[in-house]
Amino acid sequence: AGFGVDGETPAGLAVLLAVQNAGIIAWLAGVARLKGRGSLAADFGFA
């Protein structure tokens, strides 16, 4: 959002939602790789 993506526009809202969700998934994937068994499926049951 600091780079000018406007959450008050439909495209901007979609981008911010996607970035927020991608950030969470990336963090969990990193935790699985560093501290777990290495995958979202093995560590968190993703299917």
ModelCIF file with pLDDT and N, C-alpha, C, O atoms, coordinates in Angstrom:
data_MODEL
#
_entry.id   MODEL 
#
_entity.id                         1 
_entity.type                       polymer 
_entity.pdbx_number_of_molecules   1 
#
_entity_poly.entity_id                      1 
_entity_poly.type                           'polypeptide(L)' 
_entity_poly.nstd_linkage                   no 
_entity_poly.nstd_monomer                   no 
_entity_poly.pdbx_seq_one_letter_code       AGFGVDGETPAGLAVLLAVQNAGIIAWLAGVARLKGRGSLAADFGFA 
_entity_poly.pdbx_seq_one_letter_code_can   AGFGVDGETPAGLAVLLAVQNAGIIAWLAGVARLKGRGSLAADFGFA 
_entity_poly.pdbx_strand_id                 A 
#
loop_
_entity_poly_seq.entity_id 
_entity_poly_seq.num 
_entity_poly_seq.mon_id 
_entity_poly_seq.hetero 
1 1  ALA n 
1 2  GLY n 
1 3  PHE n 
1 4  GLY n 
1 5  VAL n 
1 6  ASP n 
1 7  GLY n 
1 8  GLU n 
1 9  THR n 
1 10 PRO n 
1 11 ALA n 
1 12 GLY n 
1 13 LEU n 
1 14 ALA n 
1 15 VAL n 
1 16 LEU n 
1 17 LEU n 
1 18 ALA n 
1 19 VAL n 
1 20 GLN n 
1 21 ASN n 
1 22 ALA n 
1 23 GLY n 
1 24 ILE n 
1 25 ILE n 
1 26 ALA n 
1 27 TRP n 
1 28 LEU n 
1 29 ALA n 
1 30 GLY n 
1 31 VAL n 
1 32 ALA n 
1 33 ARG n 
1 34 LEU n 
1 35 LYS n 
1 36 GLY n 
1 37 ARG n 
1 38 GLY n 
1 39 SER n 
1 40 LEU n 
1 41 ALA n 
1 42 ALA n 
1 43 ASP n 
1 44 PHE n 
1 45 GLY n 
1 46 PHE n 
1 47 ALA n 
#
_struct_asym.id          A 
_struct_asym.entity_id   1 
#
loop_
_ma_qa_metric.id 
_ma_qa_metric.mode 
_ma_qa_metric.name 
_ma_qa_metric.software_group_id 
_ma_qa_metric.type 
1 global pLDDT . pLDDT 
2 local  pLDDT . pLDDT 
#
_ma_qa_metric_global.metric_id      1 
_ma_qa_metric_global.metric_value   93.38 
_ma_qa_metric_global.model_id       1 
_ma_qa_metric_global.ordinal_id     1 
#
loop_
_ma_qa_metric_local.label_asym_id 
_ma_qa_metric_local.label_comp_id 
_ma_qa_metric_local.label_seq_id 
_ma_qa_metric_local.metric_id 
_ma_qa_metric_local.metric_value 
_ma_qa_metric_local.model_id 
_ma_qa_metric_local.ordinal_id 
A ALA 1  2 93.00 1 1  
A GLY 2  2 93.00 1 2  
A PHE 3  2 92.00 1 3  
A GLY 4  2 91.00 1 4  
A VAL 5  2 91.00 1 5  
A ASP 6  2 88.00 1 6  
A GLY 7  2 84.00 1 7  
A GLU 8  2 85.00 1 8  
A THR 9  2 88.00 1 9  
A PRO 10 2 86.00 1 10 
A ALA 11 2 88.00 1 11 
A GLY 12 2 90.00 1 12 
A LEU 13 2 87.00 1 13 
A ALA 14 2 89.00 1 14 
A VAL 15 2 92.00 1 15 
A LEU 16 2 92.00 1 16 
A LEU 17 2 91.00 1 17 
A ALA 18 2 93.00 1 18 
A VAL 19 2 95.00 1 19 
A GLN 20 2 95.00 1 20 
A ASN 21 2 95.00 1 21 
A ALA 22 2 96.00 1 22 
A GLY 23 2 96.00 1 23 
A ILE 24 2 97.00 1 24 
A ILE 25 2 97.00 1 25 
A ALA 26 2 97.00 1 26 
A TRP 27 2 97.00 1 27 
A LEU 28 2 97.00 1 28 
A ALA 29 2 97.00 1 29 
A GLY 30 2 96.00 1 30 
A VAL 31 2 96.00 1 31 
A ALA 32 2 96.00 1 32 
A ARG 33 2 95.00 1 33 
A LEU 34 2 95.00 1 34 
A LYS 35 2 93.00 1 35 
A GLY 36 2 93.00 1 36 
A ARG 37 2 95.00 1 37 
A GLY 38 2 94.00 1 38 
A SER 39 2 95.00 1 39 
A LEU 40 2 97.00 1 40 
A ALA 41 2 96.00 1 41 
A ALA 42 2 95.00 1 42 
A ASP 43 2 96.00 1 43 
A PHE 44 2 97.00 1 44 
A GLY 45 2 96.00 1 45 
A PHE 46 2 97.00 1 46 
A ALA 47 2 95.00 1 47 
#
loop_
_atom_site.group_PDB 
_atom_site.id 
_atom_site.type_symbol 
_atom_site.label_atom_id 
_atom_site.label_alt_id 
_atom_site.label_comp_id 
_atom_site.label_asym_id 
_atom_site.label_entity_id 
_atom_site.label_seq_id 
_atom_site.pdbx_PDB_ins_code 
_atom_site.Cartn_x 
_atom_site.Cartn_y 
_atom_site.Cartn_z 
_atom_site.occupancy 
_atom_site.B_iso_or_equiv 
_atom_site.pdbx_formal_charge 
_atom_site.auth_seq_id 
_atom_site.auth_comp_id 
_atom_site.auth_asym_id 
_atom_site.auth_atom_id 
_atom_site.pdbx_PDB_model_num 
ATOM 1   N N  . ALA A 1 1  ? 0.831   -1.205  0.000  1.00 93.00 ? 1  ALA A N  1 
ATOM 2   C CA . ALA A 1 1  ? 0.000   0.000   0.000  1.00 93.00 ? 1  ALA A CA 1 
ATOM 3   C C  . ALA A 1 1  ? 0.866   1.256   0.000  1.00 93.00 ? 1  ALA A C  1 
ATOM 4   O O  . ALA A 1 1  ? 0.487   2.279   -0.569 1.00 93.00 ? 1  ALA A O  1 
ATOM 5   N N  . GLY A 1 2  ? 2.027   1.174   0.639  1.00 93.00 ? 2  GLY A N  1 
ATOM 6   C CA . GLY A 1 2  ? 2.937   2.307   0.669  1.00 93.00 ? 2  GLY A CA 1 
ATOM 7   C C  . GLY A 1 2  ? 3.490   2.676   -0.688 1.00 93.00 ? 2  GLY A C  1 
ATOM 8   O O  . GLY A 1 2  ? 3.959   3.798   -0.879 1.00 93.00 ? 2  GLY A O  1 
ATOM 9   N N  . PHE A 1 3  ? 3.443   1.748   -1.642 1.00 92.00 ? 3  PHE A N  1 
ATOM 10  C CA . PHE A 1 3  ? 3.889   2.028   -3.006 1.00 92.00 ? 3  PHE A CA 1 
ATOM 11  C C  . PHE A 1 3  ? 2.762   2.578   -3.877 1.00 92.00 ? 3  PHE A C  1 
ATOM 12  O O  . PHE A 1 3  ? 2.904   2.688   -5.095 1.00 92.00 ? 3  PHE A O  1 
ATOM 13  N N  . GLY A 1 4  ? 1.639   2.921   -3.241 1.00 91.00 ? 4  GLY A N  1 
ATOM 14  C CA . GLY A 1 4  ? 0.568   3.590   -3.972 1.00 91.00 ? 4  GLY A CA 1 
ATOM 15  C C  . GLY A 1 4  ? -0.595  2.726   -4.379 1.00 91.00 ? 4  GLY A C  1 
ATOM 16  O O  . GLY A 1 4  ? -1.465  3.193   -5.115 1.00 91.00 ? 4  GLY A O  1 
ATOM 17  N N  . VAL A 1 5  ? -0.653  1.480   -3.933 1.00 91.00 ? 5  VAL A N  1 
ATOM 18  C CA . VAL A 1 5  ? -1.798  0.628   -4.248 1.00 91.00 ? 5  VAL A CA 1 
ATOM 19  C C  . VAL A 1 5  ? -2.982  1.077   -3.397 1.00 91.00 ? 5  VAL A C  1 
ATOM 20  O O  . VAL A 1 5  ? -2.895  1.087   -2.169 1.00 91.00 ? 5  VAL A O  1 
ATOM 21  N N  . ASP A 1 6  ? -4.079  1.446   -4.034 1.00 88.00 ? 6  ASP A N  1 
ATOM 22  C CA . ASP A 1 6  ? -5.233  2.035   -3.360 1.00 88.00 ? 6  ASP A CA 1 
ATOM 23  C C  . ASP A 1 6  ? -6.275  0.962   -3.065 1.00 88.00 ? 6  ASP A C  1 
ATOM 24  O O  . ASP A 1 6  ? -6.881  0.411   -3.983 1.00 88.00 ? 6  ASP A O  1 
ATOM 25  N N  . GLY A 1 7  ? -6.481  0.668   -1.784 1.00 84.00 ? 7  GLY A N  1 
ATOM 26  C CA . GLY A 1 7  ? -7.464  -0.329  -1.393 1.00 84.00 ? 7  GLY A CA 1 
ATOM 27  C C  . GLY A 1 7  ? -8.895  0.105   -1.580 1.00 84.00 ? 7  GLY A C  1 
ATOM 28  O O  . GLY A 1 7  ? -9.814  -0.692  -1.388 1.00 84.00 ? 7  GLY A O  1 
ATOM 29  N N  . GLU A 1 8  ? -9.107  1.379   -1.959 1.00 85.00 ? 8  GLU A N  1 
ATOM 30  C CA . GLU A 1 8  ? -10.460 1.853   -2.220 1.00 85.00 ? 8  GLU A CA 1 
ATOM 31  C C  . GLU A 1 8  ? -10.892 1.582   -3.657 1.00 85.00 ? 8  GLU A C  1 
ATOM 32  O O  . GLU A 1 8  ? -12.030 1.876   -4.021 1.00 85.00 ? 8  GLU A O  1 
ATOM 33  N N  . THR A 1 9  ? -10.010 1.031   -4.471 1.00 88.00 ? 9  THR A N  1 
ATOM 34  C CA . THR A 1 9  ? -10.362 0.637   -5.831 1.00 88.00 ? 9  THR A CA 1 
ATOM 35  C C  . THR A 1 9  ? -10.474 -0.878  -5.886 1.00 88.00 ? 9  THR A C  1 
ATOM 36  O O  . THR A 1 9  ? -9.801  -1.562  -5.114 1.00 88.00 ? 9  THR A O  1 
ATOM 37  N N  . PRO A 1 10 ? -11.305 -1.429  -6.778 1.00 86.00 ? 10 PRO A N  1 
ATOM 38  C CA . PRO A 1 10 ? -11.459 -2.885  -6.838 1.00 86.00 ? 10 PRO A CA 1 
ATOM 39  C C  . PRO A 1 10 ? -10.145 -3.618  -7.084 1.00 86.00 ? 10 PRO A C  1 
ATOM 40  O O  . PRO A 1 10 ? -9.846  -4.599  -6.404 1.00 86.00 ? 10 PRO A O  1 
ATOM 41  N N  . ALA A 1 11 ? -9.352  -3.146  -8.060 1.00 88.00 ? 11 ALA A N  1 
ATOM 42  C CA . ALA A 1 11 ? -8.079  -3.813  -8.353 1.00 88.00 ? 11 ALA A CA 1 
ATOM 43  C C  . ALA A 1 11 ? -7.122  -3.692  -7.185 1.00 88.00 ? 11 ALA A C  1 
ATOM 44  O O  . ALA A 1 11 ? -6.438  -4.654  -6.837 1.00 88.00 ? 11 ALA A O  1 
ATOM 45  N N  . GLY A 1 12 ? -7.069  -2.506  -6.571 1.00 90.00 ? 12 GLY A N  1 
ATOM 46  C CA . GLY A 1 12 ? -6.184  -2.304  -5.435 1.00 90.00 ? 12 GLY A CA 1 
ATOM 47  C C  . GLY A 1 12 ? -6.570  -3.172  -4.253 1.00 90.00 ? 12 GLY A C  1 
ATOM 48  O O  . GLY A 1 12 ? -5.706  -3.747  -3.591 1.00 90.00 ? 12 GLY A O  1 
ATOM 49  N N  . LEU A 1 13 ? -7.875  -3.269  -3.981 1.00 87.00 ? 13 LEU A N  1 
ATOM 50  C CA . LEU A 1 13 ? -8.347  -4.131  -2.901 1.00 87.00 ? 13 LEU A CA 1 
ATOM 51  C C  . LEU A 1 13 ? -7.950  -5.577  -3.150 1.00 87.00 ? 13 LEU A C  1 
ATOM 52  O O  . LEU A 1 13 ? -7.489  -6.261  -2.236 1.00 87.00 ? 13 LEU A O  1 
ATOM 53  N N  . ALA A 1 14 ? -8.127  -6.048  -4.386 1.00 89.00 ? 14 ALA A N  1 
ATOM 54  C CA . ALA A 1 14 ? -7.768  -7.426  -4.721 1.00 89.00 ? 14 ALA A CA 1 
ATOM 55  C C  . ALA A 1 14 ? -6.275  -7.671  -4.558 1.00 89.00 ? 14 ALA A C  1 
ATOM 56  O O  . ALA A 1 14 ? -5.862  -8.724  -4.072 1.00 89.00 ? 14 ALA A O  1 
ATOM 57  N N  . VAL A 1 15 ? -5.467  -6.696  -4.964 1.00 92.00 ? 15 VAL A N  1 
ATOM 58  C CA . VAL A 1 15 ? -4.012  -6.835  -4.844 1.00 92.00 ? 15 VAL A CA 1 
ATOM 59  C C  . VAL A 1 15 ? -3.591  -6.900  -3.377 1.00 92.00 ? 15 VAL A C  1 
ATOM 60  O O  . VAL A 1 15 ? -2.777  -7.745  -3.003 1.00 92.00 ? 15 VAL A O  1 
ATOM 61  N N  . LEU A 1 16 ? -4.141  -6.012  -2.542 1.00 92.00 ? 16 LEU A N  1 
ATOM 62  C CA . LEU A 1 16 ? -3.767  -6.001  -1.127 1.00 92.00 ? 16 LEU A CA 1 
ATOM 63  C C  . LEU A 1 16 ? -4.198  -7.288  -0.426 1.00 92.00 ? 16 LEU A C  1 
ATOM 64  O O  . LEU A 1 16 ? -3.468  -7.812  0.415  1.00 92.00 ? 16 LEU A O  1 
ATOM 65  N N  . LEU A 1 17 ? -5.382  -7.798  -0.769 1.00 91.00 ? 17 LEU A N  1 
ATOM 66  C CA . LEU A 1 17 ? -5.819  -9.073  -0.202 1.00 91.00 ? 17 LEU A CA 1 
ATOM 67  C C  . LEU A 1 17 ? -4.880  -10.203 -0.611 1.00 91.00 ? 17 LEU A C  1 
ATOM 68  O O  . LEU A 1 17 ? -4.503  -11.038 0.211  1.00 91.00 ? 17 LEU A O  1 
ATOM 69  N N  . ALA A 1 18 ? -4.508  -10.218 -1.888 1.00 93.00 ? 18 ALA A N  1 
ATOM 70  C CA . ALA A 1 18 ? -3.619  -11.271 -2.380 1.00 93.00 ? 18 ALA A CA 1 
ATOM 71  C C  . ALA A 1 18 ? -2.253  -11.198 -1.707 1.00 93.00 ? 18 ALA A C  1 
ATOM 72  O O  . ALA A 1 18 ? -1.691  -12.225 -1.326 1.00 93.00 ? 18 ALA A O  1 
ATOM 73  N N  . VAL A 1 19 ? -1.714  -9.984  -1.558 1.00 95.00 ? 19 VAL A N  1 
ATOM 74  C CA . VAL A 1 19 ? -0.400  -9.815  -0.931 1.00 95.00 ? 19 VAL A CA 1 
ATOM 75  C C  . VAL A 1 19 ? -0.442  -10.242 0.532  1.00 95.00 ? 19 VAL A C  1 
ATOM 76  O O  . VAL A 1 19 ? 0.470   -10.912 1.016  1.00 95.00 ? 19 VAL A O  1 
ATOM 77  N N  . GLN A 1 20 ? -1.507  -9.849  1.234  1.00 95.00 ? 20 GLN A N  1 
ATOM 78  C CA . GLN A 1 20 ? -1.625  -10.223 2.644  1.00 95.00 ? 20 GLN A CA 1 
ATOM 79  C C  . GLN A 1 20 ? -1.671  -11.742 2.802  1.00 95.00 ? 20 GLN A C  1 
ATOM 80  O O  . GLN A 1 20 ? -0.973  -12.301 3.648  1.00 95.00 ? 20 GLN A O  1 
ATOM 81  N N  . ASN A 1 21 ? -2.489  -12.405 1.995  1.00 95.00 ? 21 ASN A N  1 
ATOM 82  C CA . ASN A 1 21 ? -2.593  -13.864 2.076  1.00 95.00 ? 21 ASN A CA 1 
ATOM 83  C C  . ASN A 1 21 ? -1.290  -14.541 1.654  1.00 95.00 ? 21 ASN A C  1 
ATOM 84  O O  . ASN A 1 21 ? -0.877  -15.528 2.262  1.00 95.00 ? 21 ASN A O  1 
ATOM 85  N N  . ALA A 1 22 ? -0.647  -14.012 0.618  1.00 96.00 ? 22 ALA A N  1 
ATOM 86  C CA . ALA A 1 22 ? 0.617   -14.587 0.164  1.00 96.00 ? 22 ALA A CA 1 
ATOM 87  C C  . ALA A 1 22 ? 1.691   -14.451 1.242  1.00 96.00 ? 22 ALA A C  1 
ATOM 88  O O  . ALA A 1 22 ? 2.517   -15.347 1.413  1.00 96.00 ? 22 ALA A O  1 
ATOM 89  N N  . GLY A 1 23 ? 1.680   -13.329 1.969  1.00 96.00 ? 23 GLY A N  1 
ATOM 90  C CA . GLY A 1 23 ? 2.636   -13.142 3.049  1.00 96.00 ? 23 GLY A CA 1 
ATOM 91  C C  . GLY A 1 23 ? 2.463   -14.169 4.156  1.00 96.00 ? 23 GLY A C  1 
ATOM 92  O O  . GLY A 1 23 ? 3.447   -14.688 4.683  1.00 96.00 ? 23 GLY A O  1 
ATOM 93  N N  . ILE A 1 24 ? 1.217   -14.465 4.511  1.00 97.00 ? 24 ILE A N  1 
ATOM 94  C CA . ILE A 1 24 ? 0.948   -15.470 5.542  1.00 97.00 ? 24 ILE A CA 1 
ATOM 95  C C  . ILE A 1 24 ? 1.399   -16.847 5.084  1.00 97.00 ? 24 ILE A C  1 
ATOM 96  O O  . ILE A 1 24 ? 2.050   -17.572 5.836  1.00 97.00 ? 24 ILE A O  1 
ATOM 97  N N  . ILE A 1 25 ? 1.051   -17.216 3.837  1.00 97.00 ? 25 ILE A N  1 
ATOM 98  C CA . ILE A 1 25 ? 1.428   -18.534 3.322  1.00 97.00 ? 25 ILE A CA 1 
ATOM 99  C C  . ILE A 1 25 ? 2.949   -18.660 3.243  1.00 97.00 ? 25 ILE A C  1 
ATOM 100 O O  . ILE A 1 25 ? 3.508   -19.699 3.592  1.00 97.00 ? 25 ILE A O  1 
ATOM 101 N N  . ALA A 1 26 ? 3.614   -17.602 2.785  1.00 97.00 ? 26 ALA A N  1 
ATOM 102 C CA . ALA A 1 26 ? 5.077   -17.640 2.678  1.00 97.00 ? 26 ALA A CA 1 
ATOM 103 C C  . ALA A 1 26 ? 5.712   -17.823 4.046  1.00 97.00 ? 26 ALA A C  1 
ATOM 104 O O  . ALA A 1 26 ? 6.677   -18.574 4.183  1.00 97.00 ? 26 ALA A O  1 
ATOM 105 N N  . TRP A 1 27 ? 5.184   -17.147 5.061  1.00 97.00 ? 27 TRP A N  1 
ATOM 106 C CA . TRP A 1 27 ? 5.729   -17.292 6.410  1.00 97.00 ? 27 TRP A CA 1 
ATOM 107 C C  . TRP A 1 27 ? 5.564   -18.731 6.910  1.00 97.00 ? 27 TRP A C  1 
ATOM 108 O O  . TRP A 1 27 ? 6.499   -19.313 7.459  1.00 97.00 ? 27 TRP A O  1 
ATOM 109 N N  . LEU A 1 28 ? 4.376   -19.294 6.719  1.00 97.00 ? 28 LEU A N  1 
ATOM 110 C CA . LEU A 1 28 ? 4.134   -20.663 7.170  1.00 97.00 ? 28 LEU A CA 1 
ATOM 111 C C  . LEU A 1 28 ? 5.004   -21.655 6.405  1.00 97.00 ? 28 LEU A C  1 
ATOM 112 O O  . LEU A 1 28 ? 5.497   -22.624 6.981  1.00 97.00 ? 28 LEU A O  1 
ATOM 113 N N  . ALA A 1 29 ? 5.194   -21.412 5.103  1.00 97.00 ? 29 ALA A N  1 
ATOM 114 C CA . ALA A 1 29 ? 6.065   -22.287 4.314  1.00 97.00 ? 29 ALA A CA 1 
ATOM 115 C C  . ALA A 1 29 ? 7.499   -22.211 4.836  1.00 97.00 ? 29 ALA A C  1 
ATOM 116 O O  . ALA A 1 29 ? 8.200   -23.221 4.893  1.00 97.00 ? 29 ALA A O  1 
ATOM 117 N N  . GLY A 1 30 ? 7.932   -20.999 5.219  1.00 96.00 ? 30 GLY A N  1 
ATOM 118 C CA . GLY A 1 30 ? 9.267   -20.851 5.774  1.00 96.00 ? 30 GLY A CA 1 
ATOM 119 C C  . GLY A 1 30 ? 9.416   -21.566 7.102  1.00 96.00 ? 30 GLY A C  1 
ATOM 120 O O  . GLY A 1 30 ? 10.448  -22.183 7.368  1.00 96.00 ? 30 GLY A O  1 
ATOM 121 N N  . VAL A 1 31 ? 8.381   -21.487 7.945  1.00 96.00 ? 31 VAL A N  1 
ATOM 122 C CA . VAL A 1 31 ? 8.403   -22.196 9.229  1.00 96.00 ? 31 VAL A CA 1 
ATOM 123 C C  . VAL A 1 31 ? 8.485   -23.705 9.000  1.00 96.00 ? 31 VAL A C  1 
ATOM 124 O O  . VAL A 1 31 ? 9.238   -24.399 9.683  1.00 96.00 ? 31 VAL A O  1 
ATOM 125 N N  . ALA A 1 32 ? 7.712   -24.211 8.041  1.00 96.00 ? 32 ALA A N  1 
ATOM 126 C CA . ALA A 1 32 ? 7.732   -25.642 7.742  1.00 96.00 ? 32 ALA A CA 1 
ATOM 127 C C  . ALA A 1 32 ? 9.120   -26.082 7.280  1.00 96.00 ? 32 ALA A C  1 
ATOM 128 O O  . ALA A 1 32 ? 9.589   -27.158 7.649  1.00 96.00 ? 32 ALA A O  1 
ATOM 129 N N  . ARG A 1 33 ? 9.768   -25.255 6.478  1.00 95.00 ? 33 ARG A N  1 
ATOM 130 C CA . ARG A 1 33 ? 11.086  -25.622 5.952  1.00 95.00 ? 33 ARG A CA 1 
ATOM 131 C C  . ARG A 1 33 ? 12.165  -25.547 7.035  1.00 95.00 ? 33 ARG A C  1 
ATOM 132 O O  . ARG A 1 33 ? 13.061  -26.391 7.079  1.00 95.00 ? 33 ARG A O  1 
ATOM 133 N N  . LEU A 1 34 ? 12.080  -24.543 7.903  1.00 95.00 ? 34 LEU A N  1 
ATOM 134 C CA . LEU A 1 34 ? 13.127  -24.340 8.896  1.00 95.00 ? 34 LEU A CA 1 
ATOM 135 C C  . LEU A 1 34 ? 12.946  -25.185 10.163 1.00 95.00 ? 34 LEU A C  1 
ATOM 136 O O  . LEU A 1 34 ? 13.920  -25.637 10.764 1.00 95.00 ? 34 LEU A O  1 
ATOM 137 N N  . LYS A 1 35 ? 11.688  -25.388 10.556 1.00 93.00 ? 35 LYS A N  1 
ATOM 138 C CA . LYS A 1 35 ? 11.439  -26.019 11.851 1.00 93.00 ? 35 LYS A CA 1 
ATOM 139 C C  . LYS A 1 35 ? 10.640  -27.319 11.769 1.00 93.00 ? 35 LYS A C  1 
ATOM 140 O O  . LYS A 1 35 ? 10.571  -28.069 12.744 1.00 93.00 ? 35 LYS A O  1 
ATOM 141 N N  . GLY A 1 36 ? 10.041  -27.586 10.613 1.00 93.00 ? 36 GLY A N  1 
ATOM 142 C CA . GLY A 1 36 ? 9.168   -28.743 10.505 1.00 93.00 ? 36 GLY A CA 1 
ATOM 143 C C  . GLY A 1 36 ? 9.689   -29.793 9.557  1.00 93.00 ? 36 GLY A C  1 
ATOM 144 O O  . GLY A 1 36 ? 10.893  -30.022 9.446  1.00 93.00 ? 36 GLY A O  1 
ATOM 145 N N  . ARG A 1 37 ? 8.747   -30.431 8.872  1.00 95.00 ? 37 ARG A N  1 
ATOM 146 C CA . ARG A 1 37 ? 9.091   -31.515 7.950  1.00 95.00 ? 37 ARG A CA 1 
ATOM 147 C C  . ARG A 1 37 ? 9.254   -31.042 6.510  1.00 95.00 ? 37 ARG A C  1 
ATOM 148 O O  . ARG A 1 37 ? 9.524   -31.843 5.615  1.00 95.00 ? 37 ARG A O  1 
ATOM 149 N N  . GLY A 1 38 ? 9.090   -29.751 6.290  1.00 94.00 ? 38 GLY A N  1 
ATOM 150 C CA . GLY A 1 38 ? 9.470   -29.209 4.999  1.00 94.00 ? 38 GLY A CA 1 
ATOM 151 C C  . GLY A 1 38 ? 8.378   -28.834 4.035  1.00 94.00 ? 38 GLY A C  1 
ATOM 152 O O  . GLY A 1 38 ? 8.674   -28.325 2.954  1.00 94.00 ? 38 GLY A O  1 
ATOM 153 N N  . SER A 1 39 ? 7.100   -29.068 4.384  1.00 95.00 ? 39 SER A N  1 
ATOM 154 C CA . SER A 1 39 ? 6.032   -28.722 3.445  1.00 95.00 ? 39 SER A CA 1 
ATOM 155 C C  . SER A 1 39 ? 4.764   -28.352 4.188  1.00 95.00 ? 39 SER A C  1 
ATOM 156 O O  . SER A 1 39 ? 4.561   -28.755 5.334  1.00 95.00 ? 39 SER A O  1 
ATOM 157 N N  . LEU A 1 40 ? 3.913   -27.582 3.528  1.00 97.00 ? 40 LEU A N  1 
ATOM 158 C CA . LEU A 1 40 ? 2.628   -27.203 4.108  1.00 97.00 ? 40 LEU A CA 1 
ATOM 159 C C  . LEU A 1 40 ? 1.747   -28.426 4.328  1.00 97.00 ? 40 LEU A C  1 
ATOM 160 O O  . LEU A 1 40 ? 0.967   -28.465 5.280  1.00 97.00 ? 40 LEU A O  1 
ATOM 161 N N  . ALA A 1 41 ? 1.863   -29.414 3.466  1.00 96.00 ? 41 ALA A N  1 
ATOM 162 C CA . ALA A 1 41 ? 1.062   -30.631 3.612  1.00 96.00 ? 41 ALA A CA 1 
ATOM 163 C C  . ALA A 1 41 ? 1.500   -31.432 4.829  1.00 96.00 ? 41 ALA A C  1 
ATOM 164 O O  . ALA A 1 41 ? 0.664   -31.856 5.628  1.00 96.00 ? 41 ALA A O  1 
ATOM 165 N N  . ALA A 1 42 ? 2.802   -31.642 4.976  1.00 95.00 ? 42 ALA A N  1 
ATOM 166 C CA . ALA A 1 42 ? 3.312   -32.476 6.065  1.00 95.00 ? 42 ALA A CA 1 
ATOM 167 C C  . ALA A 1 42 ? 3.149   -31.806 7.420  1.00 95.00 ? 42 ALA A C  1 
ATOM 168 O O  . ALA A 1 42 ? 2.843   -32.476 8.406  1.00 95.00 ? 42 ALA A O  1 
ATOM 169 N N  . ASP A 1 43 ? 3.349   -30.496 7.483  1.00 96.00 ? 43 ASP A N  1 
ATOM 170 C CA . ASP A 1 43 ? 3.349   -29.814 8.774  1.00 96.00 ? 43 ASP A CA 1 
ATOM 171 C C  . ASP A 1 43 ? 1.998   -29.240 9.169  1.00 96.00 ? 43 ASP A C  1 
ATOM 172 O O  . ASP A 1 43 ? 1.691   -29.152 10.358 1.00 96.00 ? 43 ASP A O  1 
ATOM 173 N N  . PHE A 1 44 ? 1.189   -28.850 8.195  1.00 97.00 ? 44 PHE A N  1 
ATOM 174 C CA . PHE A 1 44 ? -0.084  -28.191 8.517  1.00 97.00 ? 44 PHE A CA 1 
ATOM 175 C C  . PHE A 1 44 ? -1.304  -28.894 7.930  1.00 97.00 ? 44 PHE A C  1 
ATOM 176 O O  . PHE A 1 44 ? -2.428  -28.425 8.107  1.00 97.00 ? 44 PHE A O  1 
ATOM 177 N N  . GLY A 1 45 ? -1.099  -30.015 7.233  1.00 96.00 ? 45 GLY A N  1 
ATOM 178 C CA . GLY A 1 45 ? -2.229  -30.765 6.701  1.00 96.00 ? 45 GLY A CA 1 
ATOM 179 C C  . GLY A 1 45 ? -2.842  -30.208 5.445  1.00 96.00 ? 45 GLY A C  1 
ATOM 180 O O  . GLY A 1 45 ? -3.979  -30.541 5.110  1.00 96.00 ? 45 GLY A O  1 
ATOM 181 N N  . PHE A 1 46 ? -2.103  -29.356 4.731  1.00 97.00 ? 46 PHE A N  1 
ATOM 182 C CA . PHE A 1 46 ? -2.677  -28.759 3.525  1.00 97.00 ? 46 PHE A CA 1 
ATOM 183 C C  . PHE A 1 46 ? -3.020  -29.825 2.491  1.00 97.00 ? 46 PHE A C  1 
ATOM 184 O O  . PHE A 1 46 ? -2.185  -30.653 2.127  1.00 97.00 ? 46 PHE A O  1 
ATOM 185 N N  . ALA A 1 47 ? -4.270  -29.787 2.024  1.00 95.00 ? 47 ALA A N  1 
ATOM 186 C CA . ALA A 1 47 ? -4.741  -30.681 0.959  1.00 95.00 ? 47 ALA A CA 1 
ATOM 187 C C  . ALA A 1 47 ? -6.054  -30.134 0.436  1.00 95.00 ? 47 ALA A C  1 
ATOM 188 O O  . ALA A 1 47 ? -6.649  -30.718 -0.470 1.00 95.00 ? 47 ALA A O  1 
#
